[in-house]
Amino acid sequence: MPIIESIPNVSEGRRPEVIAKLIAAIRDTPGVRLLDHSSDASHNRSVFTLVGDAPALKAATLALFEAALADIDLRSHAGEHPRLGAVDVVPFVPIEGATMEDCVSLAREVAASVAERFGLPVYLYEEASTDPARRNLEDIRRGEFEGLATKMSSAEWTPDFGPAIPHRSGGASIIGARMPLIAYNINLNSDRLDVAKKIAAAIRHSSGGLRFVKAMGVMLEDRKLVQVSTNLTNYQKTPIFRVFDLVKREAARYGVSVLESEIVGLVPSAALMSAAEYYLQIDRFSNDQVLENRLR
């Protein structure tokens, strides 16, 4: 059976009772396995990782939208993470026995169904996009929910599916297909948001930094710390250790140290193995030397 991964990001990270409903909507869908879920109060966002075949993932995504739209109202939502919709983004990723073309087809099918069932505008992104100018997630999400009505009044931002006006409480959603992504955050031992933003600008590709890195500086109000929040879109070409090292060096310029880092959701083992190989300076290391890999 072809296996596809989906990682929906939902604009709710503070209300346990709502998050429980979202989890139940996924788990109650036959043929889908929920591998991981994490919620962040500062970002006010939850990320779910589920796998299954195309029909099961479509059913789970529709169930998730139904649950989210019933309880999330972006008119009263606030958080550090930019967002366009209650269910903000839904990527589909080929894992085993599935191709990128399969994921593109699934993304477009799900987008059409979401728009029809819920009256919600949907944009396609990454490999599923039909417009090169609307391929990048950050370009579609720029202006966020608050600026969505004005943005959609322009013909160039007519959604791929659904009405050309925002859903009054759910905004709009972004659905697409992509390769594996690592959500990697680095917390600084500081409350200086200006430093986190300068570091994010220095390391992200759009500002002239590392290729395949998206980054922003945010404040974690509950901890009184700042964070450099990143997405690594190709961990093989820009490995996770390179991002960590550059953030550490940039932070030192401002007299700030790195407190810790975190991975949100799941991560390919190869990304962690390459970091271990780099920092331990292991000569001629092979993944076959990992006991669990050999047993597998």
C-alpha atoms as a PDB file:
ATOM      1  CA  MET A   1       0.000   0.000   0.000  1.00  0.00           C
ATOM      2  CA  PRO A   2       1.390   3.425  -0.916  1.00  0.00           C
ATOM      3  CA  ILE A   3       2.152   5.486   2.188  1.00  0.00           C
ATOM      4  CA  ILE A   4       1.756   9.260   2.226  1.00  0.00           C
ATOM      5  CA  GLU A   5       2.485  11.573   5.142  1.00  0.00           C
ATOM      6  CA  SER A   6       0.422  14.636   5.985  1.00  0.00           C
ATOM      7  CA  ILE A   7       1.382  17.342   8.470  1.00  0.00           C
ATOM      8  CA  PRO A   8      -1.568  19.691   9.008  1.00  0.00           C
ATOM      9  CA  ASN A   9      -0.860  22.867  10.999  1.00  0.00           C
ATOM     10  CA  VAL A  10      -3.865  24.178  12.920  1.00  0.00           C
ATOM     11  CA  SER A  11      -4.226  27.618  14.522  1.00  0.00           C
ATOM     12  CA  GLU A  12      -4.883  26.409  18.059  1.00  0.00           C
ATOM     13  CA  GLY A  13      -2.308  25.607  20.723  1.00  0.00           C
ATOM     14  CA  ARG A  14      -3.793  26.823  23.987  1.00  0.00           C
ATOM     15  CA  ARG A  15      -7.145  25.106  24.589  1.00  0.00           C
ATOM     16  CA  PRO A  16      -6.660  21.418  25.506  1.00  0.00           C
ATOM     17  CA  GLU A  17     -10.318  20.582  24.974  1.00  0.00           C
ATOM     18  CA  VAL A  18     -10.233  21.837  21.374  1.00  0.00           C
ATOM     19  CA  ILE A  19      -6.925  20.093  20.649  1.00  0.00           C
ATOM     20  CA  ALA A  20      -8.436  16.851  22.005  1.00  0.00           C
ATOM     21  CA  LYS A  21     -11.294  17.166  19.490  1.00  0.00           C
ATOM     22  CA  LEU A  22      -8.817  17.644  16.651  1.00  0.00           C
ATOM     23  CA  ILE A  23      -6.877  14.550  17.714  1.00  0.00           C
ATOM     24  CA  ALA A  24     -10.087  12.529  17.940  1.00  0.00           C
ATOM     25  CA  ALA A  25     -11.143  13.613  14.446  1.00  0.00           C
ATOM     26  CA  ILE A  26      -7.911  12.171  13.060  1.00  0.00           C
ATOM     27  CA  ARG A  27      -7.821   9.015  15.163  1.00  0.00           C
ATOM     28  CA  ASP A  28     -11.444   8.160  14.419  1.00  0.00           C
ATOM     29  CA  THR A  29     -10.698   7.995  10.685  1.00  0.00           C
ATOM     30  CA  PRO A  30     -10.154   4.378   9.514  1.00  0.00           C
ATOM     31  CA  GLY A  31      -6.874   3.700   7.740  1.00  0.00           C
ATOM     32  CA  VAL A  32      -4.993   6.659   9.245  1.00  0.00           C
ATOM     33  CA  ARG A  33      -2.277   6.478  11.868  1.00  0.00           C
ATOM     34  CA  LEU A  34      -1.496   9.547  13.969  1.00  0.00           C
ATOM     35  CA  LEU A  35       2.261   9.369  14.531  1.00  0.00           C
ATOM     36  CA  ASP A  36       2.794  12.591  16.453  1.00  0.00           C
ATOM     37  CA  HIS A  37       1.163  15.796  17.615  1.00  0.00           C
ATOM     38  CA  SER A  38       2.556  18.855  19.360  1.00  0.00           C
ATOM     39  CA  SER A  39       1.043  22.133  20.527  1.00  0.00           C
ATOM     40  CA  ASP A  40       2.726  25.437  21.317  1.00  0.00           C
ATOM     41  CA  ALA A  41       0.966  28.068  23.405  1.00  0.00           C
ATOM     42  CA  SER A  42       3.216  30.949  22.337  1.00  0.00           C
ATOM     43  CA  HIS A  43       2.703  30.155  18.657  1.00  0.00           C
ATOM     44  CA  ASN A  44      -0.939  29.199  19.419  1.00  0.00           C
ATOM     45  CA  ARG A  45      -0.547  26.397  16.927  1.00  0.00           C
ATOM     46  CA  SER A  46      -0.699  22.608  16.787  1.00  0.00           C
ATOM     47  CA  VAL A  47       1.060  20.327  14.333  1.00  0.00           C
ATOM     48  CA  PHE A  48      -0.144  16.797  13.568  1.00  0.00           C
ATOM     49  CA  THR A  49       1.737  14.073  11.716  1.00  0.00           C
ATOM     50  CA  LEU A  50      -0.351  11.313  10.173  1.00  0.00           C
ATOM     51  CA  VAL A  51       0.185   8.632   7.551  1.00  0.00           C
ATOM     52  CA  GLY A  52      -2.048   6.504   5.372  1.00  0.00           C
ATOM     53  CA  ASP A  53      -3.111   6.014   1.784  1.00  0.00           C
ATOM     54  CA  ALA A  54      -4.736   8.748  -0.270  1.00  0.00           C
ATOM     55  CA  PRO A  55      -8.439   7.973   0.445  1.00  0.00           C
ATOM     56  CA  ALA A  56      -7.835   7.677   4.195  1.00  0.00           C
ATOM     57  CA  LEU A  57      -5.855  10.913   4.357  1.00  0.00           C
ATOM     58  CA  LYS A  58      -8.549  12.736   2.412  1.00  0.00           C
ATOM     59  CA  ALA A  59     -11.186  11.545   4.890  1.00  0.00           C
ATOM     60  CA  ALA A  60      -9.018  12.505   7.884  1.00  0.00           C
ATOM     61  CA  THR A  61      -8.305  15.964   6.471  1.00  0.00           C
ATOM     62  CA  LEU A  62     -11.995  16.683   5.922  1.00  0.00           C
ATOM     63  CA  ALA A  63     -12.775  15.491   9.463  1.00  0.00           C
ATOM     64  CA  LEU A  64     -10.026  17.753  10.827  1.00  0.00           C
ATOM     65  CA  PHE A  65     -11.406  20.760   8.952  1.00  0.00           C
ATOM     66  CA  GLU A  66     -14.878  20.096  10.296  1.00  0.00           C
ATOM     67  CA  ALA A  67     -13.619  19.935  13.886  1.00  0.00           C
ATOM     68  CA  ALA A  68     -11.349  22.973  13.542  1.00  0.00           C
ATOM     69  CA  LEU A  69     -13.901  25.248  11.895  1.00  0.00           C
ATOM     70  CA  ALA A  70     -16.413  24.443  14.627  1.00  0.00           C
ATOM     71  CA  ASP A  71     -14.151  25.721  17.424  1.00  0.00           C
ATOM     72  CA  ILE A  72     -11.555  28.119  15.990  1.00  0.00           C
ATOM     73  CA  ASP A  73     -12.357  31.731  15.187  1.00  0.00           C
ATOM     74  CA  LEU A  74      -9.437  33.710  13.807  1.00  0.00           C
ATOM     75  CA  ARG A  75     -11.193  36.974  14.633  1.00  0.00           C
ATOM     76  CA  SER A  76     -10.227  36.360  18.261  1.00  0.00           C
ATOM     77  CA  HIS A  77      -7.045  34.352  17.646  1.00  0.00           C
ATOM     78  CA  ALA A  78      -3.548  35.623  18.470  1.00  0.00           C
ATOM     79  CA  GLY A  79      -0.140  33.951  18.464  1.00  0.00           C
ATOM     80  CA  GLU A  80       3.464  34.390  17.408  1.00  0.00           C
ATOM     81  CA  HIS A  81       3.178  32.213  14.301  1.00  0.00           C
ATOM     82  CA  PRO A  82       1.800  33.792  11.119  1.00  0.00           C
ATOM     83  CA  ARG A  83      -1.460  32.212   9.958  1.00  0.00           C
ATOM     84  CA  LEU A  84      -4.000  32.561   7.188  1.00  0.00           C
ATOM     85  CA  GLY A  85      -6.564  30.019   8.307  1.00  0.00           C
ATOM     86  CA  ALA A  86      -7.981  27.947  11.134  1.00  0.00           C
ATOM     87  CA  VAL A  87      -6.463  24.955   9.378  1.00  0.00           C
ATOM     88  CA  ASP A  88      -3.538  26.957   8.104  1.00  0.00           C
ATOM     89  CA  VAL A  89      -1.531  24.588   5.936  1.00  0.00           C
ATOM     90  CA  VAL A  90      -1.837  20.935   4.886  1.00  0.00           C
ATOM     91  CA  PRO A  91       1.147  19.428   3.048  1.00  0.00           C
ATOM     92  CA  PHE A  92       1.221  15.908   1.600  1.00  0.00           C
ATOM     93  CA  VAL A  93       4.603  14.150   1.440  1.00  0.00           C
ATOM     94  CA  PRO A  94       5.474  10.927  -0.444  1.00  0.00           C
ATOM     95  CA  ILE A  95       6.966   8.315   1.903  1.00  0.00           C
ATOM     96  CA  GLU A  96       6.839   4.809   0.422  1.00  0.00           C
ATOM     97  CA  GLY A  97       5.295   3.493  -2.773  1.00  0.00           C
ATOM     98  CA  ALA A  98       3.912   6.946  -3.566  1.00  0.00           C
ATOM     99  CA  THR A  99       5.230   9.573  -5.941  1.00  0.00           C
ATOM    100  CA  MET A 100       5.192  13.350  -5.809  1.00  0.00           C
ATOM    101  CA  GLU A 101       2.611  13.204  -8.597  1.00  0.00           C
ATOM    102  CA  ASP A 102       0.383  11.118  -6.299  1.00  0.00           C
ATOM    103  CA  CYS A 103       0.672  13.791  -3.602  1.00  0.00           C
ATOM    104  CA  VAL A 104      -0.037  16.612  -6.049  1.00  0.00           C
ATOM    105  CA  SER A 105      -3.171  14.807  -7.217  1.00  0.00           C
ATOM    106  CA  LEU A 106      -4.275  14.219  -3.623  1.00  0.00           C
ATOM    107  CA  ALA A 107      -3.628  17.849  -2.629  1.00  0.00           C
ATOM    108  CA  ARG A 108      -5.758  19.173  -5.488  1.00  0.00           C
ATOM    109  CA  GLU A 109      -8.540  16.684  -4.784  1.00  0.00           C
ATOM    110  CA  VAL A 110      -8.603  17.525  -1.070  1.00  0.00           C
ATOM    111  CA  ALA A 111      -8.481  21.271  -1.786  1.00  0.00           C
ATOM    112  CA  ALA A 112     -11.503  21.015  -4.077  1.00  0.00           C
ATOM    113  CA  SER A 113     -13.445  19.000  -1.482  1.00  0.00           C
ATOM    114  CA  VAL A 114     -12.577  21.392   1.375  1.00  0.00           C
ATOM    115  CA  ALA A 115     -13.708  24.381  -0.681  1.00  0.00           C
ATOM    116  CA  GLU A 116     -16.956  22.730  -1.723  1.00  0.00           C
ATOM    117  CA  ARG A 117     -17.918  21.311   1.666  1.00  0.00           C
ATOM    118  CA  PHE A 118     -16.982  24.242   3.895  1.00  0.00           C
ATOM    119  CA  GLY A 119     -17.185  27.261   1.576  1.00  0.00           C
ATOM    120  CA  LEU A 120     -13.540  27.954   2.330  1.00  0.00           C
ATOM    121  CA  PRO A 121     -11.008  29.553  -0.066  1.00  0.00           C
ATOM    122  CA  VAL A 122      -8.023  27.278  -0.697  1.00  0.00           C
ATOM    123  CA  TYR A 123      -4.638  28.059  -2.227  1.00  0.00           C
ATOM    124  CA  LEU A 124      -2.309  25.403  -3.656  1.00  0.00           C
ATOM    125  CA  TYR A 125       1.408  25.600  -2.851  1.00  0.00           C
ATOM    126  CA  GLU A 126       4.791  24.044  -3.580  1.00  0.00           C
ATOM    127  CA  GLU A 127       4.579  21.150  -6.073  1.00  0.00           C
ATOM    128  CA  ALA A 128       0.775  21.344  -6.261  1.00  0.00           C
ATOM    129  CA  SER A 129       0.785  25.013  -7.257  1.00  0.00           C
ATOM    130  CA  THR A 130      -0.348  25.956 -10.744  1.00  0.00           C
ATOM    131  CA  ASP A 131       1.095  29.471 -10.495  1.00  0.00           C
ATOM    132  CA  PRO A 132       4.857  29.986  -9.986  1.00  0.00           C
ATOM    133  CA  ALA A 133       4.148  33.299  -8.235  1.00  0.00           C
ATOM    134  CA  ARG A 134       2.102  31.441  -5.614  1.00  0.00           C
ATOM    135  CA  ARG A 135       4.398  28.493  -4.994  1.00  0.00           C
ATOM    136  CA  ASN A 136       6.009  29.670  -1.737  1.00  0.00           C
ATOM    137  CA  LEU A 137       4.063  29.333   1.487  1.00  0.00           C
ATOM    138  CA  GLU A 138       5.275  32.624   2.956  1.00  0.00           C
ATOM    139  CA  ASP A 139       4.136  34.571  -0.136  1.00  0.00           C
ATOM    140  CA  ILE A 140       0.617  33.169   0.124  1.00  0.00           C
ATOM    141  CA  ARG A 141       0.446  33.758   3.882  1.00  0.00           C
ATOM    142  CA  ARG A 142       1.862  37.292   3.788  1.00  0.00           C
ATOM    143  CA  GLY A 143      -0.622  39.741   5.310  1.00  0.00           C
ATOM    144  CA  GLU A 144      -2.127  36.928   7.391  1.00  0.00           C
ATOM    145  CA  PHE A 145      -5.805  36.607   8.240  1.00  0.00           C
ATOM    146  CA  GLU A 146      -6.214  40.291   9.044  1.00  0.00           C
ATOM    147  CA  GLY A 147      -5.099  41.340   5.558  1.00  0.00           C
ATOM    148  CA  LEU A 148      -6.787  38.510   3.684  1.00  0.00           C
ATOM    149  CA  ALA A 149      -9.909  40.354   2.494  1.00  0.00           C
ATOM    150  CA  THR A 150      -7.843  43.151   0.969  1.00  0.00           C
ATOM    151  CA  LYS A 151      -5.432  40.672  -0.583  1.00  0.00           C
ATOM    152  CA  MET A 152      -8.219  38.600  -2.122  1.00  0.00           C
ATOM    153  CA  SER A 153      -9.785  41.698  -3.703  1.00  0.00           C
ATOM    154  CA  SER A 154      -6.903  41.554  -6.200  1.00  0.00           C
ATOM    155  CA  ALA A 155      -7.421  39.257  -9.196  1.00  0.00           C
ATOM    156  CA  GLU A 156      -3.932  37.804  -8.777  1.00  0.00           C
ATOM    157  CA  TRP A 157      -4.981  36.380  -5.393  1.00  0.00           C
ATOM    158  CA  THR A 158      -8.168  34.667  -6.486  1.00  0.00           C
ATOM    159  CA  PRO A 159      -8.013  31.285  -4.710  1.00  0.00           C
ATOM    160  CA  ASP A 160      -7.475  28.052  -6.603  1.00  0.00           C
ATOM    161  CA  PHE A 161     -10.691  26.678  -5.113  1.00  0.00           C
ATOM    162  CA  GLY A 162     -13.616  28.181  -3.248  1.00  0.00           C
ATOM    163  CA  PRO A 163     -15.032  31.694  -2.890  1.00  0.00           C
ATOM    164  CA  ALA A 164     -13.012  34.829  -3.559  1.00  0.00           C
ATOM    165  CA  ILE A 165     -13.743  36.159  -0.083  1.00  0.00           C
ATOM    166  CA  PRO A 166     -12.389  34.864   3.262  1.00  0.00           C
ATOM    167  CA  HIS A 167     -14.365  32.477   5.431  1.00  0.00           C
ATOM    168  CA  ARG A 168     -15.502  34.786   8.238  1.00  0.00           C
ATOM    169  CA  SER A 169     -13.930  32.735  11.067  1.00  0.00           C
ATOM    170  CA  GLY A 170     -11.719  30.228   9.231  1.00  0.00           C
ATOM    171  CA  GLY A 171      -9.947  32.557   6.797  1.00  0.00           C
ATOM    172  CA  ALA A 172      -8.399  30.512   4.006  1.00  0.00           C
ATOM    173  CA  SER A 173      -6.270  27.381   3.820  1.00  0.00           C
ATOM    174  CA  ILE A 174      -3.122  26.397   1.958  1.00  0.00           C
ATOM    175  CA  ILE A 175      -2.846  22.820   0.688  1.00  0.00           C
ATOM    176  CA  GLY A 176       0.018  21.324  -1.283  1.00  0.00           C
ATOM    177  CA  ALA A 177       2.655  18.676  -1.845  1.00  0.00           C
ATOM    178  CA  ARG A 178       6.333  18.822  -0.904  1.00  0.00           C
ATOM    179  CA  MET A 179       9.360  16.851   0.175  1.00  0.00           C
ATOM    180  CA  PRO A 180      10.077  16.234   3.906  1.00  0.00           C
ATOM    181  CA  LEU A 181      10.538  19.394   5.985  1.00  0.00           C
ATOM    182  CA  ILE A 182      12.131  19.794   9.408  1.00  0.00           C
ATOM    183  CA  ALA A 183      10.592  22.303  11.815  1.00  0.00           C
ATOM    184  CA  TYR A 184      13.620  23.246  13.896  1.00  0.00           C
ATOM    185  CA  ASN A 185      13.632  25.971  16.566  1.00  0.00           C
ATOM    186  CA  ILE A 186      16.575  27.424  18.468  1.00  0.00           C
ATOM    187  CA  ASN A 187      15.906  29.192  21.771  1.00  0.00           C
ATOM    188  CA  LEU A 188      18.255  31.955  22.872  1.00  0.00           C
ATOM    189  CA  ASN A 189      19.183  32.726  26.456  1.00  0.00           C
ATOM    190  CA  SER A 190      17.762  36.225  26.037  1.00  0.00           C
ATOM    191  CA  ASP A 191      14.547  38.217  25.818  1.00  0.00           C
ATOM    192  CA  ARG A 192      15.873  40.482  23.054  1.00  0.00           C
ATOM    193  CA  LEU A 193      13.469  40.048  20.169  1.00  0.00           C
ATOM    194  CA  ASP A 194      15.528  42.385  17.994  1.00  0.00           C
ATOM    195  CA  VAL A 195      18.447  39.946  18.194  1.00  0.00           C
ATOM    196  CA  ALA A 196      16.301  36.954  17.238  1.00  0.00           C
ATOM    197  CA  LYS A 197      14.907  38.842  14.246  1.00  0.00           C
ATOM    198  CA  LYS A 198      18.379  39.923  13.096  1.00  0.00           C
ATOM    199  CA  ILE A 199      19.649  36.340  13.340  1.00  0.00           C
ATOM    200  CA  ALA A 200      16.615  35.035  11.428  1.00  0.00           C
ATOM    201  CA  ALA A 201      17.267  37.587   8.677  1.00  0.00           C
ATOM    202  CA  ALA A 202      20.928  36.543   8.523  1.00  0.00           C
ATOM    203  CA  ILE A 203      20.241  32.821   8.112  1.00  0.00           C
ATOM    204  CA  ARG A 204      17.128  32.641   5.915  1.00  0.00           C
ATOM    205  CA  HIS A 205      17.530  32.239   2.184  1.00  0.00           C
ATOM    206  CA  SER A 206      15.143  35.059   1.246  1.00  0.00           C
ATOM    207  CA  SER A 207      17.470  37.526   2.999  1.00  0.00           C
ATOM    208  CA  GLY A 208      20.652  36.118   1.484  1.00  0.00           C
ATOM    209  CA  GLY A 209      21.345  33.397   4.054  1.00  0.00           C
ATOM    210  CA  LEU A 210      21.371  29.638   3.828  1.00  0.00           C
ATOM    211  CA  ARG A 211      19.634  27.908   0.943  1.00  0.00           C
ATOM    212  CA  PHE A 212      16.561  25.842   1.898  1.00  0.00           C
ATOM    213  CA  VAL A 213      16.120  27.721   5.198  1.00  0.00           C
ATOM    214  CA  LYS A 214      13.106  29.785   6.238  1.00  0.00           C
ATOM    215  CA  ALA A 215      13.388  31.624   9.557  1.00  0.00           C
ATOM    216  CA  MET A 216      11.744  34.184  11.801  1.00  0.00           C
ATOM    217  CA  GLY A 217      12.432  35.590  15.248  1.00  0.00           C
ATOM    218  CA  VAL A 218       9.635  35.232  17.826  1.00  0.00           C
ATOM    219  CA  MET A 219       9.073  35.897  21.509  1.00  0.00           C
ATOM    220  CA  LEU A 220       8.077  33.022  23.800  1.00  0.00           C
ATOM    221  CA  GLU A 221       6.013  35.034  26.257  1.00  0.00           C
ATOM    222  CA  ASP A 222       5.450  32.168  28.679  1.00  0.00           C
ATOM    223  CA  ARG A 223       9.210  31.679  29.091  1.00  0.00           C
ATOM    224  CA  LYS A 224      10.398  35.257  28.516  1.00  0.00           C
ATOM    225  CA  LEU A 225      12.801  33.980  25.878  1.00  0.00           C
ATOM    226  CA  VAL A 226      13.259  34.626  22.177  1.00  0.00           C
ATOM    227  CA  GLN A 227      13.401  31.957  19.535  1.00  0.00           C
ATOM    228  CA  VAL A 228      14.794  31.632  16.033  1.00  0.00           C
ATOM    229  CA  SER A 229      12.088  29.492  14.446  1.00  0.00           C
ATOM    230  CA  THR A 230      13.112  27.743  11.224  1.00  0.00           C
ATOM    231  CA  ASN A 231      11.851  25.410   8.542  1.00  0.00           C
ATOM    232  CA  LEU A 232      14.471  23.366   6.708  1.00  0.00           C
ATOM    233  CA  THR A 233      13.098  22.403   3.312  1.00  0.00           C
ATOM    234  CA  ASN A 234      16.042  20.251   2.212  1.00  0.00           C
ATOM    235  CA  TYR A 235      18.045  18.858   5.135  1.00  0.00           C
ATOM    236  CA  GLN A 236      20.431  17.017   2.807  1.00  0.00           C
ATOM    237  CA  LYS A 237      21.668  20.171   1.072  1.00  0.00           C
ATOM    238  CA  THR A 238      21.481  22.421   4.147  1.00  0.00           C
ATOM    239  CA  PRO A 239      21.951  20.109   7.137  1.00  0.00           C
ATOM    240  CA  ILE A 240      20.569  20.863  10.559  1.00  0.00           C
ATOM    241  CA  PHE A 241      24.020  21.254  12.155  1.00  0.00           C
ATOM    242  CA  ARG A 242      24.915  24.035   9.725  1.00  0.00           C
ATOM    243  CA  VAL A 243      21.847  26.012  10.784  1.00  0.00           C
ATOM    244  CA  PHE A 244      22.636  25.509  14.481  1.00  0.00           C
ATOM    245  CA  ASP A 245      26.253  26.579  14.057  1.00  0.00           C
ATOM    246  CA  LEU A 246      25.345  29.714  12.127  1.00  0.00           C
ATOM    247  CA  VAL A 247      22.716  30.759  14.682  1.00  0.00           C
ATOM    248  CA  LYS A 248      25.254  30.197  17.476  1.00  0.00           C
ATOM    249  CA  ARG A 249      27.861  32.337  15.719  1.00  0.00           C
ATOM    250  CA  GLU A 250      25.389  35.111  14.910  1.00  0.00           C
ATOM    251  CA  ALA A 251      24.094  35.137  18.499  1.00  0.00           C
ATOM    252  CA  ALA A 252      27.641  35.519  19.831  1.00  0.00           C
ATOM    253  CA  ARG A 253      27.971  38.763  17.866  1.00  0.00           C
ATOM    254  CA  TYR A 254      25.317  40.244  20.150  1.00  0.00           C
ATOM    255  CA  GLY A 255      26.638  38.719  23.354  1.00  0.00           C
ATOM    256  CA  VAL A 256      23.829  36.140  23.423  1.00  0.00           C
ATOM    257  CA  SER A 257      24.129  32.366  23.870  1.00  0.00           C
ATOM    258  CA  VAL A 258      22.015  29.480  22.644  1.00  0.00           C
ATOM    259  CA  LEU A 259      19.971  27.903  25.427  1.00  0.00           C
ATOM    260  CA  GLU A 260      18.566  24.881  23.581  1.00  0.00           C
ATOM    261  CA  SER A 261      17.003  23.736  20.351  1.00  0.00           C
ATOM    262  CA  GLU A 262      13.909  21.711  19.569  1.00  0.00           C
ATOM    263  CA  ILE A 263      12.394  19.710  16.734  1.00  0.00           C
ATOM    264  CA  VAL A 264       8.645  20.041  16.193  1.00  0.00           C
ATOM    265  CA  GLY A 265       7.059  16.840  14.951  1.00  0.00           C
ATOM    266  CA  LEU A 266       9.037  14.050  13.341  1.00  0.00           C
ATOM    267  CA  VAL A 267      12.444  14.147  11.679  1.00  0.00           C
ATOM    268  CA  PRO A 268      14.237  11.790   9.256  1.00  0.00           C
ATOM    269  CA  SER A 269      16.892   9.782  11.081  1.00  0.00           C
ATOM    270  CA  ALA A 270      19.441  10.741   8.422  1.00  0.00           C
ATOM    271  CA  ALA A 271      19.206  14.377   9.556  1.00  0.00           C
ATOM    272  CA  LEU A 272      20.217  13.457  13.102  1.00  0.00           C
ATOM    273  CA  MET A 273      22.859  10.987  11.969  1.00  0.00           C
ATOM    274  CA  SER A 274      24.563  13.660   9.896  1.00  0.00           C
ATOM    275  CA  ALA A 275      24.640  15.957  12.948  1.00  0.00           C
ATOM    276  CA  ALA A 276      26.164  13.207  15.102  1.00  0.00           C
ATOM    277  CA  GLU A 277      28.754  12.451  12.436  1.00  0.00           C
ATOM    278  CA  TYR A 278      29.669  16.129  12.141  1.00  0.00           C
ATOM    279  CA  TYR A 279      29.958  16.987  15.848  1.00  0.00           C
ATOM    280  CA  LEU A 280      31.653  13.721  16.860  1.00  0.00           C
ATOM    281  CA  GLN A 281      33.966  13.902  13.819  1.00  0.00           C
ATOM    282  CA  ILE A 282      33.345  10.238  13.075  1.00  0.00           C
ATOM    283  CA  ASP A 283      35.521   9.022  10.229  1.00  0.00           C
ATOM    284  CA  ARG A 284      33.868   7.007   7.435  1.00  0.00           C
ATOM    285  CA  PHE A 285      30.601   6.675   9.377  1.00  0.00           C
ATOM    286  CA  SER A 286      27.751   4.700   7.803  1.00  0.00           C
ATOM    287  CA  ASN A 287      24.086   4.420   8.761  1.00  0.00           C
ATOM    288  CA  ASP A 288      24.605   0.654   8.663  1.00  0.00           C
ATOM    289  CA  GLN A 289      26.640   1.052  11.859  1.00  0.00           C
ATOM    290  CA  VAL A 290      23.492   2.046  13.748  1.00  0.00           C
ATOM    291  CA  LEU A 291      22.231  -1.058  15.527  1.00  0.00           C
ATOM    292  CA  GLU A 292      18.531  -0.408  14.918  1.00  0.00           C
ATOM    293  CA  ASN A 293      19.164   0.190  11.216  1.00  0.00           C
ATOM    294  CA  ARG A 294      21.042  -3.081  10.897  1.00  0.00           C
ATOM    295  CA  LEU A 295      18.296  -4.977  12.710  1.00  0.00           C
ATOM    296  CA  ARG A 296      15.695  -3.408  10.476  1.00  0.00           C
END
